[in-house]
């Protein structure tokens, strides 16, 4: 393991190299995707299917279409903040029920990459 002059490992600095984290949370009725800055803990951009502007559009959509729409909107909001790279972090609930929400997760990630957001 390599150490720098301060005696800290290289892994210590890795979190500063990938500061933007995409967090996804889904349940039966709604979905949430937001990007936070790892170092400061501030919310950079987010989208929720229960937002007033989106609620009417999301009612008739299937899971994959919801994920695509969420990814598209989140990508637009990230571009406004000049964020082009994010890393993915799944909530514990999604890790347990990954099979149930996998199409929604894949659709959201695909839509983000299609709209110019890179995953590191």
PDB file of N, CA and C in Angstrom:
ATOM      1  N   UNK A   1       0.849  -1.172   0.000  1.00  0.00           N
ATOM      2  CA  UNK A   1       0.000   0.000   0.000  1.00  0.00           C
ATOM      3  C   UNK A   1       0.892   1.231   0.000  1.00  0.00           C
ATOM      4  N   UNK A   2       0.566   2.192  -0.841  1.00  0.00           N
ATOM      5  CA  UNK A   2       1.378   3.393  -0.936  1.00  0.00           C
ATOM      6  C   UNK A   2       0.857   4.457   0.037  1.00  0.00           C
ATOM      7  N   UNK A   3       1.782   5.211   0.583  1.00  0.00           N
ATOM      8  CA  UNK A   3       1.447   6.272   1.518  1.00  0.00           C
ATOM      9  C   UNK A   3       2.035   7.578   1.026  1.00  0.00           C
ATOM     10  N   UNK A   4       1.405   8.685   1.342  1.00  0.00           N
ATOM     11  CA  UNK A   4       1.962   9.983   0.975  1.00  0.00           C
ATOM     12  C   UNK A   4       2.751  10.547   2.158  1.00  0.00           C
ATOM     13  N   UNK A   5       3.159  11.808   2.052  1.00  0.00           N
ATOM     14  CA  UNK A   5       4.002  12.409   3.082  1.00  0.00           C
ATOM     15  C   UNK A   5       3.257  12.597   4.396  1.00  0.00           C
ATOM     16  N   UNK A   6       1.953  12.650   4.374  1.00  0.00           N
ATOM     17  CA  UNK A   6       1.179  12.817   5.596  1.00  0.00           C
ATOM     18  C   UNK A   6       0.884  11.487   6.277  1.00  0.00           C
ATOM     19  N   UNK A   7       1.312  10.391   5.657  1.00  0.00           N
ATOM     20  CA  UNK A   7       1.080   9.081   6.234  1.00  0.00           C
ATOM     21  C   UNK A   7      -0.297   8.520   5.945  1.00  0.00           C
ATOM     22  N   UNK A   8      -0.986   9.092   4.985  1.00  0.00           N
ATOM     23  CA  UNK A   8      -2.322   8.623   4.636  1.00  0.00           C
ATOM     24  C   UNK A   8      -2.229   7.727   3.407  1.00  0.00           C
ATOM     25  N   UNK A   9      -3.053   6.701   3.386  1.00  0.00           N
ATOM     26  CA  UNK A   9      -3.026   5.769   2.269  1.00  0.00           C
ATOM     27  C   UNK A   9      -3.639   6.398   1.022  1.00  0.00           C
ATOM     28  N   UNK A  10      -3.364   5.789  -0.123  1.00  0.00           N
ATOM     29  CA  UNK A  10      -3.913   6.276  -1.382  1.00  0.00           C
ATOM     30  C   UNK A  10      -5.432   6.149  -1.398  1.00  0.00           C
ATOM     31  N   UNK A  11      -5.982   5.150  -0.694  1.00  0.00           N
ATOM     32  CA  UNK A  11      -7.424   4.970  -0.627  1.00  0.00           C
ATOM     33  C   UNK A  11      -8.128   6.124   0.058  1.00  0.00           C
ATOM     34  N   UNK A  12      -7.413   6.801   0.961  1.00  0.00           N
ATOM     35  CA  UNK A  12      -7.974   7.956   1.659  1.00  0.00           C
ATOM     36  C   UNK A  12      -8.344   9.060   0.680  1.00  0.00           C
ATOM     37  N   UNK A  13      -7.529   9.241  -0.340  1.00  0.00           N
ATOM     38  CA  UNK A  13      -7.752  10.312  -1.300  1.00  0.00           C
ATOM     39  C   UNK A  13      -8.704   9.920  -2.411  1.00  0.00           C
ATOM     40  N   UNK A  14      -9.025   8.631  -2.523  1.00  0.00           N
ATOM     41  CA  UNK A  14      -9.876   8.165  -3.615  1.00  0.00           C
ATOM     42  C   UNK A  14     -11.261   8.803  -3.565  1.00  0.00           C
ATOM     43  N   UNK A  15     -11.784   9.053  -2.374  1.00  0.00           N
ATOM     44  CA  UNK A  15     -13.124   9.633  -2.290  1.00  0.00           C
ATOM     45  C   UNK A  15     -13.154  11.068  -2.812  1.00  0.00           C
ATOM     46  N   UNK A  16     -12.024  11.751  -2.801  1.00  0.00           N
ATOM     47  CA  UNK A  16     -11.983  13.105  -3.336  1.00  0.00           C
ATOM     48  C   UNK A  16     -11.846  13.104  -4.855  1.00  0.00           C
ATOM     49  N   UNK A  17     -11.424  11.986  -5.414  1.00  0.00           N
ATOM     50  CA  UNK A  17     -11.294  11.873  -6.855  1.00  0.00           C
ATOM     51  C   UNK A  17     -12.660  11.663  -7.512  1.00  0.00           C
ATOM     52  N   UNK A  18     -13.606  11.071  -6.791  1.00  0.00           N
ATOM     53  CA  UNK A  18     -14.966  10.847  -7.297  1.00  0.00           C
ATOM     54  C   UNK A  18     -15.947  11.530  -6.356  1.00  0.00           C
ATOM     55  N   UNK A  19     -16.062  12.849  -6.445  1.00  0.00           N
ATOM     56  CA  UNK A  19     -16.847  13.546  -5.426  1.00  0.00           C
ATOM     57  C   UNK A  19     -18.357  13.452  -5.584  1.00  0.00           C
ATOM     58  N   UNK A  20     -18.884  13.137  -6.750  1.00  0.00           N
ATOM     59  CA  UNK A  20     -20.326  13.155  -6.951  1.00  0.00           C
ATOM     60  C   UNK A  20     -20.895  11.743  -6.920  1.00  0.00           C
ATOM     61  N   UNK A  21     -21.850  11.521  -6.034  1.00  0.00           N
ATOM     62  CA  UNK A  21     -22.442  10.205  -5.815  1.00  0.00           C
ATOM     63  C   UNK A  21     -23.904  10.223  -6.243  1.00  0.00           C
ATOM     64  N   UNK A  22     -24.282   9.261  -7.089  1.00  0.00           N
ATOM     65  CA  UNK A  22     -25.675   9.071  -7.472  1.00  0.00           C
ATOM     66  C   UNK A  22     -26.288   8.053  -6.527  1.00  0.00           C
ATOM     67  N   UNK A  23     -27.357   8.449  -5.874  1.00  0.00           N
ATOM     68  CA  UNK A  23     -28.066   7.540  -4.973  1.00  0.00           C
ATOM     69  C   UNK A  23     -29.470   7.325  -5.515  1.00  0.00           C
ATOM     70  N   UNK A  24     -29.871   6.067  -5.562  1.00  0.00           N
ATOM     71  CA  UNK A  24     -31.186   5.701  -6.071  1.00  0.00           C
ATOM     72  C   UNK A  24     -31.998   5.043  -4.972  1.00  0.00           C
ATOM     73  N   UNK A  25     -33.286   5.371  -4.938  1.00  0.00           N
ATOM     74  CA  UNK A  25     -34.188   4.725  -3.982  1.00  0.00           C
ATOM     75  C   UNK A  25     -35.541   4.557  -4.651  1.00  0.00           C
ATOM     76  N   UNK A  26     -36.044   3.343  -4.649  1.00  0.00           N
ATOM     77  CA  UNK A  26     -37.330   3.049  -5.268  1.00  0.00           C
ATOM     78  C   UNK A  26     -38.185   2.250  -4.315  1.00  0.00           C
ATOM     79  N   UNK A  27     -39.486   2.429  -4.411  1.00  0.00           N
ATOM     80  CA  UNK A  27     -40.443   1.560  -3.745  1.00  0.00           C
ATOM     81  C   UNK A  27     -41.638   1.394  -4.673  1.00  0.00           C
ATOM     82  N   UNK A  28     -42.714   0.811  -4.201  1.00  0.00           N
ATOM     83  CA  UNK A  28     -43.853   0.522  -5.080  1.00  0.00           C
ATOM     84  C   UNK A  28     -44.457   1.768  -5.707  1.00  0.00           C
ATOM     85  N   UNK A  29     -44.548   2.834  -4.947  1.00  0.00           N
ATOM     86  CA  UNK A  29     -45.288   3.993  -5.434  1.00  0.00           C
ATOM     87  C   UNK A  29     -44.420   5.075  -6.068  1.00  0.00           C
ATOM     88  N   UNK A  30     -43.195   5.254  -5.638  1.00  0.00           N
ATOM     89  CA  UNK A  30     -42.400   6.347  -6.187  1.00  0.00           C
ATOM     90  C   UNK A  30     -40.921   5.997  -6.260  1.00  0.00           C
ATOM     91  N   UNK A  31     -40.178   6.877  -6.901  1.00  0.00           N
ATOM     92  CA  UNK A  31     -38.745   6.696  -7.051  1.00  0.00           C
ATOM     93  C   UNK A  31     -38.019   8.002  -6.794  1.00  0.00           C
ATOM     94  N   UNK A  32     -36.789   7.901  -6.341  1.00  0.00           N
ATOM     95  CA  UNK A  32     -35.969   9.059  -6.026  1.00  0.00           C
ATOM     96  C   UNK A  32     -34.568   8.811  -6.535  1.00  0.00           C
ATOM     97  N   UNK A  33     -34.023   9.773  -7.236  1.00  0.00           N
ATOM     98  CA  UNK A  33     -32.637   9.722  -7.683  1.00  0.00           C
ATOM     99  C   UNK A  33     -32.032  11.082  -7.397  1.00  0.00           C
ATOM    100  N   UNK A  34     -30.931  11.101  -6.653  1.00  0.00           N
ATOM    101  CA  UNK A  34     -30.289  12.376  -6.396  1.00  0.00           C
ATOM    102  C   UNK A  34     -28.773  12.214  -6.370  1.00  0.00           C
ATOM    103  N   UNK A  35     -28.092  13.311  -6.671  1.00  0.00           N
ATOM    104  CA  UNK A  35     -26.634  13.341  -6.701  1.00  0.00           C
ATOM    105  C   UNK A  35     -26.182  14.290  -5.607  1.00  0.00           C
ATOM    106  N   UNK A  36     -25.284  13.797  -4.756  1.00  0.00           N
ATOM    107  CA  UNK A  36     -24.737  14.615  -3.685  1.00  0.00           C
ATOM    108  C   UNK A  36     -23.228  14.739  -3.849  1.00  0.00           C
ATOM    109  N   UNK A  37     -22.685  15.805  -3.302  1.00  0.00           N
ATOM    110  CA  UNK A  37     -21.243  15.998  -3.282  1.00  0.00           C
ATOM    111  C   UNK A  37     -20.709  15.285  -2.048  1.00  0.00           C
ATOM    112  N   UNK A  38     -19.835  14.337  -2.254  1.00  0.00           N
ATOM    113  CA  UNK A  38     -19.381  13.472  -1.160  1.00  0.00           C
ATOM    114  C   UNK A  38     -18.652  14.249  -0.063  1.00  0.00           C
ATOM    115  N   UNK A  39     -17.866  15.210  -0.432  1.00  0.00           N
ATOM    116  CA  UNK A  39     -17.048  15.925   0.544  1.00  0.00           C
ATOM    117  C   UNK A  39     -17.877  16.883   1.386  1.00  0.00           C
ATOM    118  N   UNK A  40     -18.730  17.678   0.736  1.00  0.00           N
ATOM    119  CA  UNK A  40     -19.521  18.670   1.470  1.00  0.00           C
ATOM    120  C   UNK A  40     -20.863  18.124   1.931  1.00  0.00           C
ATOM    121  N   UNK A  41     -21.353  17.044   1.305  1.00  0.00           N
ATOM    122  CA  UNK A  41     -22.634  16.467   1.670  1.00  0.00           C
ATOM    123  C   UNK A  41     -23.830  17.225   1.126  1.00  0.00           C
ATOM    124  N   UNK A  42     -23.592  18.157   0.226  1.00  0.00           N
ATOM    125  CA  UNK A  42     -24.693  18.955  -0.321  1.00  0.00           C
ATOM    126  C   UNK A  42     -25.331  18.283  -1.526  1.00  0.00           C
ATOM    127  N   UNK A  43     -26.631  18.487  -1.654  1.00  0.00           N
ATOM    128  CA  UNK A  43     -27.381  17.963  -2.779  1.00  0.00           C
ATOM    129  C   UNK A  43     -27.082  18.809  -4.008  1.00  0.00           C
ATOM    130  N   UNK A  44     -26.652  18.157  -5.087  1.00  0.00           N
ATOM    131  CA  UNK A  44     -26.339  18.862  -6.323  1.00  0.00           C
ATOM    132  C   UNK A  44     -27.579  18.927  -7.209  1.00  0.00           C
ATOM    133  N   UNK A  45     -28.215  17.782  -7.426  1.00  0.00           N
ATOM    134  CA  UNK A  45     -29.430  17.725  -8.242  1.00  0.00           C
ATOM    135  C   UNK A  45     -30.205  16.478  -7.850  1.00  0.00           C
ATOM    136  N   UNK A  46     -31.497  16.514  -8.078  1.00  0.00           N
ATOM    137  CA  UNK A  46     -32.321  15.361  -7.745  1.00  0.00           C
ATOM    138  C   UNK A  46     -33.622  15.365  -8.513  1.00  0.00           C
ATOM    139  N   UNK A  47     -34.229  14.187  -8.562  1.00  0.00           N
ATOM    140  CA  UNK A  47     -35.533  14.063  -9.200  1.00  0.00           C
ATOM    141  C   UNK A  47     -36.345  13.049  -8.405  1.00  0.00           C
ATOM    142  N   UNK A  48     -37.627  13.344  -8.244  1.00  0.00           N
ATOM    143  CA  UNK A  48     -38.528  12.473  -7.509  1.00  0.00           C
ATOM    144  C   UNK A  48     -39.797  12.320  -8.335  1.00  0.00           C
ATOM    145  N   UNK A  49     -40.331  11.115  -8.417  1.00  0.00           N
ATOM    146  CA  UNK A  49     -41.525  10.894  -9.231  1.00  0.00           C
ATOM    147  C   UNK A  49     -42.761  11.554  -8.638  1.00  0.00           C
ATOM    148  N   UNK A  50     -42.695  11.999  -7.407  1.00  0.00           N
ATOM    149  CA  UNK A  50     -43.847  12.656  -6.793  1.00  0.00           C
ATOM    150  C   UNK A  50     -43.768  14.184  -6.870  1.00  0.00           C
ATOM    151  N   UNK A  51     -42.822  14.721  -7.632  1.00  0.00           N
ATOM    152  CA  UNK A  51     -42.762  16.170  -7.813  1.00  0.00           C
ATOM    153  C   UNK A  51     -44.034  16.635  -8.511  1.00  0.00           C
ATOM    154  N   UNK A  52     -44.487  17.808  -8.199  1.00  0.00           N
ATOM    155  CA  UNK A  52     -45.733  18.325  -8.748  1.00  0.00           C
ATOM    156  C   UNK A  52     -45.703  18.381 -10.267  1.00  0.00           C
ATOM    157  N   UNK A  53     -44.580  18.798 -10.852  1.00  0.00           N
ATOM    158  CA  UNK A  53     -44.483  18.920 -12.305  1.00  0.00           C
ATOM    159  C   UNK A  53     -44.485  17.560 -12.991  1.00  0.00           C
ATOM    160  N   UNK A  54     -43.975  16.533 -12.334  1.00  0.00           N
ATOM    161  CA  UNK A  54     -43.826  15.219 -12.953  1.00  0.00           C
ATOM    162  C   UNK A  54     -44.954  14.252 -12.634  1.00  0.00           C
ATOM    163  N   UNK A  55     -45.686  14.509 -11.585  1.00  0.00           N
ATOM    164  CA  UNK A  55     -46.677  13.550 -11.102  1.00  0.00           C
ATOM    165  C   UNK A  55     -47.687  13.158 -12.181  1.00  0.00           C
ATOM    166  N   UNK A  56     -48.164  14.131 -12.932  1.00  0.00           N
ATOM    167  CA  UNK A  56     -49.164  13.815 -13.961  1.00  0.00           C
ATOM    168  C   UNK A  56     -48.549  12.996 -15.101  1.00  0.00           C
ATOM    169  N   UNK A  57     -47.274  13.220 -15.416  1.00  0.00           N
ATOM    170  CA  UNK A  57     -46.616  12.460 -16.478  1.00  0.00           C
ATOM    171  C   UNK A  57     -46.299  11.038 -16.049  1.00  0.00           C
ATOM    172  N   UNK A  58     -45.997  10.830 -14.788  1.00  0.00           N
ATOM    173  CA  UNK A  58     -45.515   9.540 -14.319  1.00  0.00           C
ATOM    174  C   UNK A  58     -46.619   8.528 -14.027  1.00  0.00           C
ATOM    175  N   UNK A  59     -47.862   8.954 -13.929  1.00  0.00           N
ATOM    176  CA  UNK A  59     -48.942   8.054 -13.537  1.00  0.00           C
ATOM    177  C   UNK A  59     -49.132   6.920 -14.538  1.00  0.00           C
ATOM    178  N   UNK A  60     -49.121   7.224 -15.810  1.00  0.00           N
ATOM    179  CA  UNK A  60     -49.426   6.232 -16.830  1.00  0.00           C
ATOM    180  C   UNK A  60     -48.211   5.477 -17.357  1.00  0.00           C
ATOM    181  N   UNK A  61     -47.025   5.796 -16.881  1.00  0.00           N
ATOM    182  CA  UNK A  61     -45.811   5.172 -17.406  1.00  0.00           C
ATOM    183  C   UNK A  61     -45.495   3.862 -16.691  1.00  0.00           C
ATOM    184  N   UNK A  62     -44.900   2.936 -17.417  1.00  0.00           N
ATOM    185  CA  UNK A  62     -44.409   1.689 -16.833  1.00  0.00           C
ATOM    186  C   UNK A  62     -43.074   1.958 -16.160  1.00  0.00           C
ATOM    187  N   UNK A  63     -42.549   0.948 -15.448  1.00  0.00           N
ATOM    188  CA  UNK A  63     -41.325   1.115 -14.677  1.00  0.00           C
ATOM    189  C   UNK A  63     -40.149   1.579 -15.526  1.00  0.00           C
ATOM    190  N   UNK A  64     -39.929   0.943 -16.668  1.00  0.00           N
ATOM    191  CA  UNK A  64     -38.782   1.290 -17.506  1.00  0.00           C
ATOM    192  C   UNK A  64     -38.926   2.712 -18.045  1.00  0.00           C
ATOM    193  N   UNK A  65     -40.118   3.083 -18.425  1.00  0.00           N
ATOM    194  CA  UNK A  65     -40.343   4.437 -18.926  1.00  0.00           C
ATOM    195  C   UNK A  65     -40.147   5.478 -17.829  1.00  0.00           C
ATOM    196  N   UNK A  66     -40.550   5.133 -16.602  1.00  0.00           N
ATOM    197  CA  UNK A  66     -40.316   6.041 -15.471  1.00  0.00           C
ATOM    198  C   UNK A  66     -38.826   6.247 -15.261  1.00  0.00           C
ATOM    199  N   UNK A  67     -38.064   5.153 -15.310  1.00  0.00           N
ATOM    200  CA  UNK A  67     -36.624   5.238 -15.134  1.00  0.00           C
ATOM    201  C   UNK A  67     -35.967   6.072 -16.213  1.00  0.00           C
ATOM    202  N   UNK A  68     -36.412   5.912 -17.453  1.00  0.00           N
ATOM    203  CA  UNK A  68     -35.859   6.697 -18.558  1.00  0.00           C
ATOM    204  C   UNK A  68     -36.160   8.190 -18.367  1.00  0.00           C
ATOM    205  N   UNK A  69     -37.372   8.496 -17.972  1.00  0.00           N
ATOM    206  CA  UNK A  69     -37.761   9.897 -17.757  1.00  0.00           C
ATOM    207  C   UNK A  69     -36.980  10.505 -16.591  1.00  0.00           C
ATOM    208  N   UNK A  70     -36.828   9.736 -15.502  1.00  0.00           N
ATOM    209  CA  UNK A  70     -36.065  10.225 -14.351  1.00  0.00           C
ATOM    210  C   UNK A  70     -34.615  10.493 -14.740  1.00  0.00           C
ATOM    211  N   UNK A  71     -34.013   9.576 -15.504  1.00  0.00           N
ATOM    212  CA  UNK A  71     -32.629   9.755 -15.936  1.00  0.00           C
ATOM    213  C   UNK A  71     -32.451  10.967 -16.827  1.00  0.00           C
ATOM    214  N   UNK A  72     -33.410  11.182 -17.721  1.00  0.00           N
ATOM    215  CA  UNK A  72     -33.339  12.324 -18.627  1.00  0.00           C
ATOM    216  C   UNK A  72     -33.406  13.641 -17.853  1.00  0.00           C
ATOM    217  N   UNK A  73     -34.348  13.731 -16.931  1.00  0.00           N
ATOM    218  CA  UNK A  73     -34.517  14.966 -16.156  1.00  0.00           C
ATOM    219  C   UNK A  73     -33.315  15.210 -15.257  1.00  0.00           C
ATOM    220  N   UNK A  74     -32.811  14.140 -14.617  1.00  0.00           N
ATOM    221  CA  UNK A  74     -31.647  14.290 -13.746  1.00  0.00           C
ATOM    222  C   UNK A  74     -30.423  14.714 -14.549  1.00  0.00           C
ATOM    223  N   UNK A  75     -30.250  14.171 -15.744  1.00  0.00           N
ATOM    224  CA  UNK A  75     -29.108  14.550 -16.592  1.00  0.00           C
ATOM    225  C   UNK A  75     -29.180  16.029 -16.966  1.00  0.00           C
ATOM    226  N   UNK A  76     -30.374  16.514 -17.279  1.00  0.00           N
ATOM    227  CA  UNK A  76     -30.529  17.935 -17.599  1.00  0.00           C
ATOM    228  C   UNK A  76     -30.156  18.810 -16.404  1.00  0.00           C
ATOM    229  N   UNK A  77     -30.599  18.409 -15.229  1.00  0.00           N
ATOM    230  CA  UNK A  77     -30.303  19.191 -14.027  1.00  0.00           C
ATOM    231  C   UNK A  77     -28.823  19.135 -13.671  1.00  0.00           C
ATOM    232  N   UNK A  78     -28.175  17.996 -13.916  1.00  0.00           N
ATOM    233  CA  UNK A  78     -26.737  17.889 -13.655  1.00  0.00           C
ATOM    234  C   UNK A  78     -25.932  18.739 -14.629  1.00  0.00           C
ATOM    235  N   UNK A  79     -26.360  18.788 -15.868  1.00  0.00           N
ATOM    236  CA  UNK A  79     -25.650  19.609 -16.858  1.00  0.00           C
ATOM    237  C   UNK A  79     -25.749  21.088 -16.513  1.00  0.00           C
ATOM    238  N   UNK A  80     -26.875  21.514 -15.940  1.00  0.00           N
ATOM    239  CA  UNK A  80     -27.006  22.906 -15.506  1.00  0.00           C
ATOM    240  C   UNK A  80     -25.996  23.235 -14.411  1.00  0.00           C
ATOM    241  N   UNK A  81     -25.675  22.242 -13.583  1.00  0.00           N
ATOM    242  CA  UNK A  81     -24.698  22.429 -12.503  1.00  0.00           C
ATOM    243  C   UNK A  81     -23.267  22.097 -12.944  1.00  0.00           C
ATOM    244  N   UNK A  82     -23.097  21.753 -14.236  1.00  0.00           N
ATOM    245  CA  UNK A  82     -21.804  21.419 -14.837  1.00  0.00           C
ATOM    246  C   UNK A  82     -21.159  20.189 -14.201  1.00  0.00           C
ATOM    247  N   UNK A  83     -21.977  19.191 -13.905  1.00  0.00           N
ATOM    248  CA  UNK A  83     -21.490  17.905 -13.387  1.00  0.00           C
ATOM    249  C   UNK A  83     -21.623  16.888 -14.513  1.00  0.00           C
ATOM    250  N   UNK A  84     -20.499  16.297 -14.923  1.00  0.00           N
ATOM    251  CA  UNK A  84     -20.512  15.358 -16.039  1.00  0.00           C
ATOM    252  C   UNK A  84     -20.181  13.932 -15.627  1.00  0.00           C
ATOM    253  N   UNK A  85     -19.644  13.735 -14.421  1.00  0.00           N
ATOM    254  CA  UNK A  85     -19.261  12.409 -13.969  1.00  0.00           C
ATOM    255  C   UNK A  85     -19.826  12.151 -12.583  1.00  0.00           C
ATOM    256  N   UNK A  86     -20.398  10.967 -12.408  1.00  0.00           N
ATOM    257  CA  UNK A  86     -20.917  10.545 -11.107  1.00  0.00           C
ATOM    258  C   UNK A  86     -20.510   9.100 -10.863  1.00  0.00           C
ATOM    259  N   UNK A  87     -20.560   8.693  -9.613  1.00  0.00           N
ATOM    260  CA  UNK A  87     -20.381   7.278  -9.286  1.00  0.00           C
ATOM    261  C   UNK A  87     -21.655   6.804  -8.588  1.00  0.00           C
ATOM    262  N   UNK A  88     -21.945   5.531  -8.753  1.00  0.00           N
ATOM    263  CA  UNK A  88     -23.222   4.969  -8.300  1.00  0.00           C
ATOM    264  C   UNK A  88     -23.090   4.362  -6.911  1.00  0.00           C
ATOM    265  N   UNK A  89     -24.086   4.620  -6.088  1.00  0.00           N
ATOM    266  CA  UNK A  89     -24.164   4.004  -4.769  1.00  0.00           C
ATOM    267  C   UNK A  89     -25.612   3.611  -4.532  1.00  0.00           C
ATOM    268  N   UNK A  90     -25.867   2.304  -4.406  1.00  0.00           N
ATOM    269  CA  UNK A  90     -27.227   1.825  -4.187  1.00  0.00           C
ATOM    270  C   UNK A  90     -27.566   1.838  -2.706  1.00  0.00           C
ATOM    271  N   UNK A  91     -28.788   2.198  -2.403  1.00  0.00           N
ATOM    272  CA  UNK A  91     -29.269   2.156  -1.021  1.00  0.00           C
ATOM    273  C   UNK A  91     -29.354   0.695  -0.563  1.00  0.00           C
ATOM    274  N   UNK A  92     -29.312   0.452   0.730  1.00  0.00           N
ATOM    275  CA  UNK A  92     -29.369  -0.909   1.273  1.00  0.00           C
ATOM    276  C   UNK A  92     -30.647  -1.634   0.879  1.00  0.00           C
ATOM    277  N   UNK A  93     -31.754  -0.879   0.820  1.00  0.00           N
ATOM    278  CA  UNK A  93     -33.029  -1.492   0.450  1.00  0.00           C
ATOM    279  C   UNK A  93     -32.975  -2.045  -0.974  1.00  0.00           C
ATOM    280  N   UNK A  94     -32.304  -1.321  -1.869  1.00  0.00           N
ATOM    281  CA  UNK A  94     -32.208  -1.779  -3.250  1.00  0.00           C
ATOM    282  C   UNK A  94     -31.300  -2.991  -3.381  1.00  0.00           C
ATOM    283  N   UNK A  95     -30.293  -3.077  -2.534  1.00  0.00           N
ATOM    284  CA  UNK A  95     -29.409  -4.237  -2.586  1.00  0.00           C
ATOM    285  C   UNK A  95     -30.178  -5.506  -2.214  1.00  0.00           C
ATOM    286  N   UNK A  96     -31.113  -5.381  -1.287  1.00  0.00           N
ATOM    287  CA  UNK A  96     -31.919  -6.535  -0.883  1.00  0.00           C
ATOM    288  C   UNK A  96     -32.920  -6.915  -1.964  1.00  0.00           C
ATOM    289  N   UNK A  97     -33.572  -5.926  -2.569  1.00  0.00           N
ATOM    290  CA  UNK A  97     -34.621  -6.163  -3.558  1.00  0.00           C
ATOM    291  C   UNK A  97     -34.144  -5.815  -4.966  1.00  0.00           C
ATOM    292  N   UNK A  98     -32.893  -6.106  -5.253  1.00  0.00           N
ATOM    293  CA  UNK A  98     -32.311  -5.703  -6.530  1.00  0.00           C
ATOM    294  C   UNK A  98     -33.064  -6.303  -7.712  1.00  0.00           C
ATOM    295  N   UNK A  99     -33.478  -7.544  -7.599  1.00  0.00           N
ATOM    296  CA  UNK A  99     -34.156  -8.202  -8.701  1.00  0.00           C
ATOM    297  C   UNK A  99     -35.481  -7.509  -9.024  1.00  0.00           C
ATOM    298  N   UNK A 100     -36.159  -7.047  -7.999  1.00  0.00           N
ATOM    299  CA  UNK A 100     -37.459  -6.413  -8.191  1.00  0.00           C
ATOM    300  C   UNK A 100     -37.339  -5.071  -8.914  1.00  0.00           C
ATOM    301  N   UNK A 101     -36.319  -4.299  -8.571  1.00  0.00           N
ATOM    302  CA  UNK A 101     -36.172  -2.951  -9.125  1.00  0.00           C
ATOM    303  C   UNK A 101     -35.095  -2.853 -10.203  1.00  0.00           C
ATOM    304  N   UNK A 102     -34.528  -3.973 -10.620  1.00  0.00           N
ATOM    305  CA  UNK A 102     -33.424  -3.940 -11.580  1.00  0.00           C
ATOM    306  C   UNK A 102     -33.787  -3.253 -12.900  1.00  0.00           C
ATOM    307  N   UNK A 103     -34.971  -3.490 -13.497  1.00  0.00           N
ATOM    308  CA  UNK A 103     -35.291  -2.782 -14.740  1.00  0.00           C
ATOM    309  C   UNK A 103     -35.333  -1.262 -14.564  1.00  0.00           C
ATOM    310  N   UNK A 104     -35.825  -0.807 -13.437  1.00  0.00           N
ATOM    311  CA  UNK A 104     -35.896   0.621 -13.159  1.00  0.00           C
ATOM    312  C   UNK A 104     -34.504   1.211 -12.976  1.00  0.00           C
ATOM    313  N   UNK A 105     -33.641   0.487 -12.267  1.00  0.00           N
ATOM    314  CA  UNK A 105     -32.269   0.946 -12.057  1.00  0.00           C
ATOM    315  C   UNK A 105     -31.534   1.014 -13.391  1.00  0.00           C
ATOM    316  N   UNK A 106     -31.632  -0.053 -14.169  1.00  0.00           N
ATOM    317  CA  UNK A 106     -30.949  -0.085 -15.470  1.00  0.00           C
ATOM    318  C   UNK A 106     -31.448   1.026 -16.394  1.00  0.00           C
ATOM    319  N   UNK A 107     -32.740   1.266 -16.410  1.00  0.00           N
ATOM    320  CA  UNK A 107     -33.296   2.304 -17.278  1.00  0.00           C
ATOM    321  C   UNK A 107     -32.810   3.685 -16.873  1.00  0.00           C
ATOM    322  N   UNK A 108     -32.741   3.933 -15.577  1.00  0.00           N
ATOM    323  CA  UNK A 108     -32.268   5.235 -15.099  1.00  0.00           C
ATOM    324  C   UNK A 108     -30.809   5.440 -15.463  1.00  0.00           C
ATOM    325  N   UNK A 109     -29.984   4.428 -15.240  1.00  0.00           N
ATOM    326  CA  UNK A 109     -28.558   4.542 -15.552  1.00  0.00           C
ATOM    327  C   UNK A 109     -28.345   4.673 -17.058  1.00  0.00           C
ATOM    328  N   UNK A 110     -29.074   3.900 -17.848  1.00  0.00           N
ATOM    329  CA  UNK A 110     -28.952   3.981 -19.299  1.00  0.00           C
ATOM    330  C   UNK A 110     -29.331   5.373 -19.798  1.00  0.00           C
ATOM    331  N   UNK A 111     -30.394   5.925 -19.268  1.00  0.00           N
ATOM    332  CA  UNK A 111     -30.844   7.246 -19.680  1.00  0.00           C
ATOM    333  C   UNK A 111     -29.825   8.321 -19.311  1.00  0.00           C
ATOM    334  N   UNK A 112     -29.206   8.185 -18.150  1.00  0.00           N
ATOM    335  CA  UNK A 112     -28.165   9.145 -17.762  1.00  0.00           C
ATOM    336  C   UNK A 112     -26.981   9.092 -18.724  1.00  0.00           C
ATOM    337  N   UNK A 113     -26.525   7.872 -19.052  1.00  0.00           N
ATOM    338  CA  UNK A 113     -25.377   7.758 -19.962  1.00  0.00           C
ATOM    339  C   UNK A 113     -25.751   8.227 -21.374  1.00  0.00           C
ATOM    340  N   UNK A 114     -26.977   7.964 -21.783  1.00  0.00           N
ATOM    341  CA  UNK A 114     -27.443   8.400 -23.103  1.00  0.00           C
ATOM    342  C   UNK A 114     -27.475   9.926 -23.203  1.00  0.00           C
ATOM    343  N   UNK A 115     -27.738  10.569 -22.084  1.00  0.00           N
ATOM    344  CA  UNK A 115     -27.810  12.033 -22.054  1.00  0.00           C
ATOM    345  C   UNK A 115     -26.501  12.708 -21.662  1.00  0.00           C
ATOM    346  N   UNK A 116     -25.393  11.963 -21.671  1.00  0.00           N
ATOM    347  CA  UNK A 116     -24.074  12.574 -21.520  1.00  0.00           C
ATOM    348  C   UNK A 116     -23.435  12.527 -20.147  1.00  0.00           C
ATOM    349  N   UNK A 117     -23.998  11.804 -19.207  1.00  0.00           N
ATOM    350  CA  UNK A 117     -23.401  11.678 -17.873  1.00  0.00           C
ATOM    351  C   UNK A 117     -22.546  10.420 -17.850  1.00  0.00           C
ATOM    352  N   UNK A 118     -21.300  10.538 -17.406  1.00  0.00           N
ATOM    353  CA  UNK A 118     -20.390   9.404 -17.358  1.00  0.00           C
ATOM    354  C   UNK A 118     -20.333   8.840 -15.951  1.00  0.00           C
ATOM    355  N   UNK A 119     -20.154   7.519 -15.881  1.00  0.00           N
ATOM    356  CA  UNK A 119     -20.010   6.845 -14.587  1.00  0.00           C
ATOM    357  C   UNK A 119     -18.544   6.477 -14.376  1.00  0.00           C
ATOM    358  N   UNK A 120     -18.028   6.818 -13.218  1.00  0.00           N
ATOM    359  CA  UNK A 120     -16.624   6.505 -12.881  1.00  0.00           C
ATOM    360  C   UNK A 120     -16.572   5.548 -11.720  1.00  0.00           C
TER     361      UNK A 120
END
